Amino acid sequence: MEIRKRARLPHWDIEQGTYFVTFCLFDAFPAEERRHIEEQRKAHIALIEKERGRMTPAEAAALNRTIRTETERVLIVAPDRV
């Protein structure tokens, strides 16, 4: 095992090791798309609350799936816009 020191944190190199990598995509997601998705989410919740009151767990799960799908669509398409 080799330990390298960079600016802040040490890095361990292990032969045949498994590594976990995290990517920060905050600035990869256009602000106008974030606002649009948030507006859609709020409108959907308001409609359900107006019609029936609180969302059921199944409705909340369905809304989360829709938001996740829309978010993934934006992240896949976004690089083409740059």
PDB file of N, CA and C in Angstrom:
ATOM      1  N   MET A   1       0.852  -1.175   0.000  1.00  0.00           N
ATOM      2  CA  MET A   1       0.000   0.000   0.000  1.00  0.00           C
ATOM      3  C   MET A   1       0.894   1.234   0.000  1.00  0.00           C
ATOM      4  N   GLU A   2       0.528   2.196  -0.840  1.00  0.00           N
ATOM      5  CA  GLU A   2       1.259   3.448  -0.926  1.00  0.00           C
ATOM      6  C   GLU A   2       0.340   4.574  -0.462  1.00  0.00           C
ATOM      7  N   ILE A   3       0.840   5.465   0.378  1.00  0.00           N
ATOM      8  CA  ILE A   3       0.059   6.616   0.842  1.00  0.00           C
ATOM      9  C   ILE A   3       0.689   7.869   0.246  1.00  0.00           C
ATOM     10  N   ARG A   4      -0.124   8.630  -0.485  1.00  0.00           N
ATOM     11  CA  ARG A   4       0.327   9.894  -1.073  1.00  0.00           C
ATOM     12  C   ARG A   4      -0.411  11.023  -0.381  1.00  0.00           C
ATOM     13  N   LYS A   5       0.243  12.114  -0.164  1.00  0.00           N
ATOM     14  CA  LYS A   5      -0.375  13.274   0.481  1.00  0.00           C
ATOM     15  C   LYS A   5      -0.552  14.359  -0.566  1.00  0.00           C
ATOM     16  N   ARG A   6      -1.786  14.840  -0.710  1.00  0.00           N
ATOM     17  CA  ARG A   6      -2.057  15.952  -1.619  1.00  0.00           C
ATOM     18  C   ARG A   6      -2.351  17.179  -0.792  1.00  0.00           C
ATOM     19  N   ALA A   7      -3.054  18.127  -1.365  1.00  0.00           N
ATOM     20  CA  ALA A   7      -3.315  19.408  -0.695  1.00  0.00           C
ATOM     21  C   ALA A   7      -4.042  19.240   0.630  1.00  0.00           C
ATOM     22  N   ARG A   8      -5.054  18.345   0.677  1.00  0.00           N
ATOM     23  CA  ARG A   8      -5.855  18.268   1.897  1.00  0.00           C
ATOM     24  C   ARG A   8      -5.855  16.872   2.520  1.00  0.00           C
ATOM     25  N   LEU A   9      -6.242  15.877   1.753  1.00  0.00           N
ATOM     26  CA  LEU A   9      -6.426  14.543   2.320  1.00  0.00           C
ATOM     27  C   LEU A   9      -5.404  13.563   1.771  1.00  0.00           C
ATOM     28  N   PRO A  10      -5.024  12.587   2.560  1.00  0.00           N
ATOM     29  CA  PRO A  10      -4.118  11.557   2.037  1.00  0.00           C
ATOM     30  C   PRO A  10      -4.867  10.640   1.071  1.00  0.00           C
ATOM     31  N   HIS A  11      -4.140  10.061   0.151  1.00  0.00           N
ATOM     32  CA  HIS A  11      -4.696   9.124  -0.826  1.00  0.00           C
ATOM     33  C   HIS A  11      -3.979   7.791  -0.663  1.00  0.00           C
ATOM     34  N   TRP A  12      -4.754   6.713  -0.555  1.00  0.00           N
ATOM     35  CA  TRP A  12      -4.184   5.392  -0.412  1.00  0.00           C
ATOM     36  C   TRP A  12      -4.302   4.663  -1.739  1.00  0.00           C
ATOM     37  N   ASP A  13      -3.202   4.114  -2.208  1.00  0.00           N
ATOM     38  CA  ASP A  13      -3.196   3.281  -3.411  1.00  0.00           C
ATOM     39  C   ASP A  13      -2.984   1.844  -2.970  1.00  0.00           C
ATOM     40  N   ILE A  14      -3.970   0.992  -3.225  1.00  0.00           N
ATOM     41  CA  ILE A  14      -3.887  -0.411  -2.840  1.00  0.00           C
ATOM     42  C   ILE A  14      -3.961  -1.246  -4.114  1.00  0.00           C
ATOM     43  N   GLU A  15      -2.993  -2.122  -4.282  1.00  0.00           N
ATOM     44  CA  GLU A  15      -2.979  -2.986  -5.458  1.00  0.00           C
ATOM     45  C   GLU A  15      -4.235  -3.855  -5.477  1.00  0.00           C
ATOM     46  N   GLN A  16      -4.920  -3.868  -6.601  1.00  0.00           N
ATOM     47  CA  GLN A  16      -6.166  -4.610  -6.801  1.00  0.00           C
ATOM     48  C   GLN A  16      -7.253  -4.171  -5.809  1.00  0.00           C
ATOM     49  N   GLY A  17      -7.200  -2.898  -5.390  1.00  0.00           N
ATOM     50  CA  GLY A  17      -8.193  -2.375  -4.452  1.00  0.00           C
ATOM     51  C   GLY A  17      -9.460  -1.936  -5.164  1.00  0.00           C
ATOM     52  N   THR A  18     -10.518  -1.822  -4.406  1.00  0.00           N
ATOM     53  CA  THR A  18     -11.777  -1.295  -4.912  1.00  0.00           C
ATOM     54  C   THR A  18     -11.895   0.140  -4.439  1.00  0.00           C
ATOM     55  N   TYR A  19     -12.192   1.044  -5.356  1.00  0.00           N
ATOM     56  CA  TYR A  19     -12.253   2.455  -5.032  1.00  0.00           C
ATOM     57  C   TYR A  19     -13.678   2.971  -5.186  1.00  0.00           C
ATOM     58  N   PHE A  20     -14.043   3.927  -4.354  1.00  0.00           N
ATOM     59  CA  PHE A  20     -15.341   4.592  -4.414  1.00  0.00           C
ATOM     60  C   PHE A  20     -15.082   6.017  -4.878  1.00  0.00           C
ATOM     61  N   VAL A  21     -15.758   6.432  -5.936  1.00  0.00           N
ATOM     62  CA  VAL A  21     -15.560   7.767  -6.492  1.00  0.00           C
ATOM     63  C   VAL A  21     -16.866   8.537  -6.404  1.00  0.00           C
ATOM     64  N   THR A  22     -16.797   9.780  -5.951  1.00  0.00           N
ATOM     65  CA  THR A  22     -17.965  10.646  -5.863  1.00  0.00           C
ATOM     66  C   THR A  22     -17.770  11.824  -6.805  1.00  0.00           C
ATOM     67  N   PHE A  23     -18.792  12.121  -7.581  1.00  0.00           N
ATOM     68  CA  PHE A  23     -18.759  13.262  -8.480  1.00  0.00           C
ATOM     69  C   PHE A  23     -19.739  14.310  -7.982  1.00  0.00           C
ATOM     70  N   CYS A  24     -19.321  15.546  -7.958  1.00  0.00           N
ATOM     71  CA  CYS A  24     -20.214  16.644  -7.594  1.00  0.00           C
ATOM     72  C   CYS A  24     -20.778  17.210  -8.889  1.00  0.00           C
ATOM     73  N   LEU A  25     -22.090  17.096  -9.078  1.00  0.00           N
ATOM     74  CA  LEU A  25     -22.718  17.525 -10.320  1.00  0.00           C
ATOM     75  C   LEU A  25     -23.539  18.795 -10.164  1.00  0.00           C
ATOM     76  N   PHE A  26     -23.354  19.522  -9.063  1.00  0.00           N
ATOM     77  CA  PHE A  26     -24.199  20.684  -8.802  1.00  0.00           C
ATOM     78  C   PHE A  26     -24.194  21.656  -9.977  1.00  0.00           C
ATOM     79  N   ASP A  27     -23.017  22.051 -10.455  1.00  0.00           N
ATOM     80  CA  ASP A  27     -22.979  23.029 -11.531  1.00  0.00           C
ATOM     81  C   ASP A  27     -23.178  22.400 -12.907  1.00  0.00           C
ATOM     82  N   ALA A  28     -23.362  21.091 -12.964  1.00  0.00           N
ATOM     83  CA  ALA A  28     -23.688  20.421 -14.224  1.00  0.00           C
ATOM     84  C   ALA A  28     -25.183  20.464 -14.486  1.00  0.00           C
ATOM     85  N   PHE A  29     -25.937  20.897 -13.508  1.00  0.00           N
ATOM     86  CA  PHE A  29     -27.398  20.918 -13.596  1.00  0.00           C
ATOM     87  C   PHE A  29     -27.843  22.370 -13.759  1.00  0.00           C
ATOM     88  N   PRO A  30     -28.384  22.733 -14.925  1.00  0.00           N
ATOM     89  CA  PRO A  30     -28.770  24.127 -15.162  1.00  0.00           C
ATOM     90  C   PRO A  30     -29.804  24.627 -14.149  1.00  0.00           C
ATOM     91  N   ALA A  31     -29.597  25.851 -13.673  1.00  0.00           N
ATOM     92  CA  ALA A  31     -30.481  26.433 -12.656  1.00  0.00           C
ATOM     93  C   ALA A  31     -31.919  26.514 -13.144  1.00  0.00           C
ATOM     94  N   GLU A  32     -32.128  26.851 -14.414  1.00  0.00           N
ATOM     95  CA  GLU A  32     -33.498  26.963 -14.914  1.00  0.00           C
ATOM     96  C   GLU A  32     -34.197  25.606 -14.916  1.00  0.00           C
ATOM     97  N   GLU A  33     -33.452  24.542 -15.140  1.00  0.00           N
ATOM     98  CA  GLU A  33     -34.025  23.193 -15.093  1.00  0.00           C
ATOM     99  C   GLU A  33     -34.387  22.817 -13.659  1.00  0.00           C
ATOM    100  N   ARG A  34     -33.518  23.179 -12.702  1.00  0.00           N
ATOM    101  CA  ARG A  34     -33.825  22.921 -11.287  1.00  0.00           C
ATOM    102  C   ARG A  34     -35.108  23.619 -10.883  1.00  0.00           C
ATOM    103  N   ARG A  35     -35.237  24.882 -11.291  1.00  0.00           N
ATOM    104  CA  ARG A  35     -36.453  25.640 -10.967  1.00  0.00           C
ATOM    105  C   ARG A  35     -37.678  25.008 -11.614  1.00  0.00           C
ATOM    106  N   HIS A  36     -37.555  24.596 -12.867  1.00  0.00           N
ATOM    107  CA  HIS A  36     -38.678  23.989 -13.586  1.00  0.00           C
ATOM    108  C   HIS A  36     -39.136  22.700 -12.903  1.00  0.00           C
ATOM    109  N   ILE A  37     -38.202  21.846 -12.540  1.00  0.00           N
ATOM    110  CA  ILE A  37     -38.545  20.586 -11.876  1.00  0.00           C
ATOM    111  C   ILE A  37     -39.173  20.855 -10.514  1.00  0.00           C
ATOM    112  N   GLU A  38     -38.637  21.819  -9.777  1.00  0.00           N
ATOM    113  CA  GLU A  38     -39.201  22.156  -8.469  1.00  0.00           C
ATOM    114  C   GLU A  38     -40.617  22.715  -8.608  1.00  0.00           C
ATOM    115  N   GLU A  39     -40.845  23.546  -9.626  1.00  0.00           N
ATOM    116  CA  GLU A  39     -42.191  24.075  -9.872  1.00  0.00           C
ATOM    117  C   GLU A  39     -43.166  22.953 -10.214  1.00  0.00           C
ATOM    118  N   GLN A  40     -42.721  22.003 -11.034  1.00  0.00           N
ATOM    119  CA  GLN A  40     -43.566  20.852 -11.375  1.00  0.00           C
ATOM    120  C   GLN A  40     -43.920  20.056 -10.124  1.00  0.00           C
ATOM    121  N   ARG A  41     -42.936  19.833  -9.276  1.00  0.00           N
ATOM    122  CA  ARG A  41     -43.160  19.070  -8.049  1.00  0.00           C
ATOM    123  C   ARG A  41     -44.181  19.774  -7.156  1.00  0.00           C
ATOM    124  N   LYS A  42     -43.988  21.080  -6.954  1.00  0.00           N
ATOM    125  CA  LYS A  42     -44.908  21.844  -6.109  1.00  0.00           C
ATOM    126  C   LYS A  42     -46.322  21.850  -6.686  1.00  0.00           C
ATOM    127  N   ALA A  43     -46.440  21.999  -8.006  1.00  0.00           N
ATOM    128  CA  ALA A  43     -47.758  22.010  -8.648  1.00  0.00           C
ATOM    129  C   ALA A  43     -48.448  20.661  -8.478  1.00  0.00           C
ATOM    130  N   HIS A  44     -47.692  19.583  -8.602  1.00  0.00           N
ATOM    131  CA  HIS A  44     -48.264  18.238  -8.447  1.00  0.00           C
ATOM    132  C   HIS A  44     -48.759  18.025  -7.011  1.00  0.00           C
ATOM    133  N   ILE A  45     -47.974  18.432  -6.051  1.00  0.00           N
ATOM    134  CA  ILE A  45     -48.367  18.297  -4.645  1.00  0.00           C
ATOM    135  C   ILE A  45     -49.597  19.151  -4.359  1.00  0.00           C
ATOM    136  N   ALA A  46     -49.605  20.388  -4.869  1.00  0.00           N
ATOM    137  CA  ALA A  46     -50.749  21.275  -4.638  1.00  0.00           C
ATOM    138  C   ALA A  46     -52.022  20.688  -5.227  1.00  0.00           C
ATOM    139  N   LEU A  47     -51.952  20.090  -6.410  1.00  0.00           N
ATOM    140  CA  LEU A  47     -53.118  19.485  -7.044  1.00  0.00           C
ATOM    141  C   LEU A  47     -53.663  18.332  -6.204  1.00  0.00           C
ATOM    142  N   ILE A  48     -52.776  17.474  -5.740  1.00  0.00           N
ATOM    143  CA  ILE A  48     -53.212  16.343  -4.912  1.00  0.00           C
ATOM    144  C   ILE A  48     -53.817  16.839  -3.605  1.00  0.00           C
ATOM    145  N   GLU A  49     -53.169  17.820  -2.973  1.00  0.00           N
ATOM    146  CA  GLU A  49     -53.685  18.341  -1.707  1.00  0.00           C
ATOM    147  C   GLU A  49     -55.043  19.014  -1.891  1.00  0.00           C
ATOM    148  N   LYS A  50     -55.242  19.671  -3.020  1.00  0.00           N
ATOM    149  CA  LYS A  50     -56.524  20.315  -3.298  1.00  0.00           C
ATOM    150  C   LYS A  50     -57.629  19.277  -3.502  1.00  0.00           C
ATOM    151  N   GLU A  51     -57.283  18.186  -4.206  1.00  0.00           N
ATOM    152  CA  GLU A  51     -58.277  17.154  -4.507  1.00  0.00           C
ATOM    153  C   GLU A  51     -58.564  16.231  -3.327  1.00  0.00           C
ATOM    154  N   ARG A  52     -57.495  15.797  -2.622  1.00  0.00           N
ATOM    155  CA  ARG A  52     -57.682  14.752  -1.610  1.00  0.00           C
ATOM    156  C   ARG A  52     -57.020  15.019  -0.269  1.00  0.00           C
ATOM    157  N   GLY A  53     -56.340  16.096  -0.121  1.00  0.00           N
ATOM    158  CA  GLY A  53     -55.606  16.318   1.123  1.00  0.00           C
ATOM    159  C   GLY A  53     -54.162  15.875   0.977  1.00  0.00           C
ATOM    160  N   ARG A  54     -53.669  15.118   1.932  1.00  0.00           N
ATOM    161  CA  ARG A  54     -52.264  14.685   1.907  1.00  0.00           C
ATOM    162  C   ARG A  54     -52.021  13.592   0.877  1.00  0.00           C
ATOM    163  N   MET A  55     -50.786  13.557   0.385  1.00  0.00           N
ATOM    164  CA  MET A  55     -50.391  12.500  -0.550  1.00  0.00           C
ATOM    165  C   MET A  55     -50.252  11.184   0.197  1.00  0.00           C
ATOM    166  N   THR A  56     -50.589  10.109  -0.482  1.00  0.00           N
ATOM    167  CA  THR A  56     -50.350   8.783   0.089  1.00  0.00           C
ATOM    168  C   THR A  56     -48.875   8.441  -0.105  1.00  0.00           C
ATOM    169  N   PRO A  57     -48.351   7.468   0.630  1.00  0.00           N
ATOM    170  CA  PRO A  57     -46.968   7.042   0.405  1.00  0.00           C
ATOM    171  C   PRO A  57     -46.733   6.586  -1.037  1.00  0.00           C
ATOM    172  N   ALA A  58     -47.723   5.933  -1.636  1.00  0.00           N
ATOM    173  CA  ALA A  58     -47.578   5.483  -3.027  1.00  0.00           C
ATOM    174  C   ALA A  58     -47.485   6.675  -3.977  1.00  0.00           C
ATOM    175  N   GLU A  59     -48.283   7.706  -3.725  1.00  0.00           N
ATOM    176  CA  GLU A  59     -48.226   8.905  -4.567  1.00  0.00           C
ATOM    177  C   GLU A  59     -46.889   9.624  -4.403  1.00  0.00           C
ATOM    178  N   ALA A  60     -46.393   9.688  -3.183  1.00  0.00           N
ATOM    179  CA  ALA A  60     -45.099  10.322  -2.928  1.00  0.00           C
ATOM    180  C   ALA A  60     -43.981   9.552  -3.627  1.00  0.00           C
ATOM    181  N   ALA A  61     -44.043   8.229  -3.581  1.00  0.00           N
ATOM    182  CA  ALA A  61     -43.033   7.411  -4.254  1.00  0.00           C
ATOM    183  C   ALA A  61     -43.092   7.620  -5.765  1.00  0.00           C
ATOM    184  N   ALA A  62     -44.311   7.684  -6.316  1.00  0.00           N
ATOM    185  CA  ALA A  62     -44.468   7.907  -7.754  1.00  0.00           C
ATOM    186  C   ALA A  62     -43.922   9.275  -8.151  1.00  0.00           C
ATOM    187  N   LEU A  63     -44.207  10.295  -7.337  1.00  0.00           N
ATOM    188  CA  LEU A  63     -43.690  11.626  -7.624  1.00  0.00           C
ATOM    189  C   LEU A  63     -42.163  11.632  -7.554  1.00  0.00           C
ATOM    190  N   ASN A  64     -41.586  10.970  -6.571  1.00  0.00           N
ATOM    191  CA  ASN A  64     -40.125  10.889  -6.467  1.00  0.00           C
ATOM    192  C   ASN A  64     -39.510  10.205  -7.681  1.00  0.00           C
ATOM    193  N   ARG A  65     -40.168   9.150  -8.178  1.00  0.00           N
ATOM    194  CA  ARG A  65     -39.670   8.477  -9.390  1.00  0.00           C
ATOM    195  C   ARG A  65     -39.721   9.419 -10.589  1.00  0.00           C
ATOM    196  N   THR A  66     -40.806  10.174 -10.704  1.00  0.00           N
ATOM    197  CA  THR A  66     -40.944  11.123 -11.811  1.00  0.00           C
ATOM    198  C   THR A  66     -39.869  12.195 -11.740  1.00  0.00           C
ATOM    199  N   ILE A  67     -39.637  12.740 -10.548  1.00  0.00           N
ATOM    200  CA  ILE A  67     -38.608  13.771 -10.366  1.00  0.00           C
ATOM    201  C   ILE A  67     -37.228  13.203 -10.689  1.00  0.00           C
ATOM    202  N   ARG A  68     -36.952  11.991 -10.220  1.00  0.00           N
ATOM    203  CA  ARG A  68     -35.656  11.355 -10.497  1.00  0.00           C
ATOM    204  C   ARG A  68     -35.462  11.143 -11.993  1.00  0.00           C
ATOM    205  N   THR A  69     -36.509  10.683 -12.675  1.00  0.00           N
ATOM    206  CA  THR A  69     -36.426  10.458 -14.117  1.00  0.00           C
ATOM    207  C   THR A  69     -36.162  11.765 -14.850  1.00  0.00           C
ATOM    208  N   GLU A  70     -36.873  12.810 -14.462  1.00  0.00           N
ATOM    209  CA  GLU A  70     -36.686  14.121 -15.088  1.00  0.00           C
ATOM    210  C   GLU A  70     -35.283  14.659 -14.811  1.00  0.00           C
ATOM    211  N   THR A  71     -34.800  14.489 -13.597  1.00  0.00           N
ATOM    212  CA  THR A  71     -33.450  14.936 -13.240  1.00  0.00           C
ATOM    213  C   THR A  71     -32.408  14.195 -14.065  1.00  0.00           C
ATOM    214  N   GLU A  72     -32.548  12.888 -14.201  1.00  0.00           N
ATOM    215  CA  GLU A  72     -31.604  12.101 -14.998  1.00  0.00           C
ATOM    216  C   GLU A  72     -31.646  12.516 -16.463  1.00  0.00           C
ATOM    217  N   ARG A  73     -32.845  12.826 -16.970  1.00  0.00           N
ATOM    218  CA  ARG A  73     -32.965  13.273 -18.356  1.00  0.00           C
ATOM    219  C   ARG A  73     -32.166  14.559 -18.558  1.00  0.00           C
ATOM    220  N   VAL A  74     -32.284  15.492 -17.624  1.00  0.00           N
ATOM    221  CA  VAL A  74     -31.563  16.755 -17.730  1.00  0.00           C
ATOM    222  C   VAL A  74     -30.053  16.510 -17.665  1.00  0.00           C
ATOM    223  N   LEU A  75     -29.613  15.656 -16.760  1.00  0.00           N
ATOM    224  CA  LEU A  75     -28.174  15.404 -16.632  1.00  0.00           C
ATOM    225  C   LEU A  75     -27.596  14.718 -17.852  1.00  0.00           C
ATOM    226  N   ILE A  76     -28.388  13.901 -18.515  1.00  0.00           N
ATOM    227  CA  ILE A  76     -27.910  13.227 -19.731  1.00  0.00           C
ATOM    228  C   ILE A  76     -27.894  14.185 -20.901  1.00  0.00           C
ATOM    229  N   VAL A  77     -28.876  15.061 -20.998  1.00  0.00           N
ATOM    230  CA  VAL A  77     -29.001  15.987 -22.122  1.00  0.00           C
ATOM    231  C   VAL A  77     -28.123  17.213 -21.945  1.00  0.00           C
ATOM    232  N   ALA A  78     -27.904  17.660 -20.705  1.00  0.00           N
ATOM    233  CA  ALA A  78     -27.230  18.922 -20.422  1.00  0.00           C
ATOM    234  C   ALA A  78     -25.876  19.096 -21.128  1.00  0.00           C
ATOM    235  N   PRO A  79     -24.991  18.076 -21.187  1.00  0.00           N
ATOM    236  CA  PRO A  79     -23.696  18.299 -21.838  1.00  0.00           C
ATOM    237  C   PRO A  79     -23.815  18.702 -23.308  1.00  0.00           C
ATOM    238  N   ASP A  80     -24.881  18.281 -23.977  1.00  0.00           N
ATOM    239  CA  ASP A  80     -25.055  18.642 -25.363  1.00  0.00           C
ATOM    240  C   ASP A  80     -25.378  20.127 -25.551  1.00  0.00           C
ATOM    241  N   ARG A  81     -25.873  20.761 -24.508  1.00  0.00           N
ATOM    242  CA  ARG A  81     -26.255  22.173 -24.580  1.00  0.00           C
ATOM    243  C   ARG A  81     -25.061  23.098 -24.444  1.00  0.00           C
ATOM    244  N   VAL A  82     -23.993  22.600 -23.875  1.00  0.00           N
ATOM    245  CA  VAL A  82     -22.827  23.448 -23.585  1.00  0.00           C
ATOM    246  C   VAL A  82     -22.084  23.764 -24.852  1.00  0.00           C
TER     247      VAL A  82
END
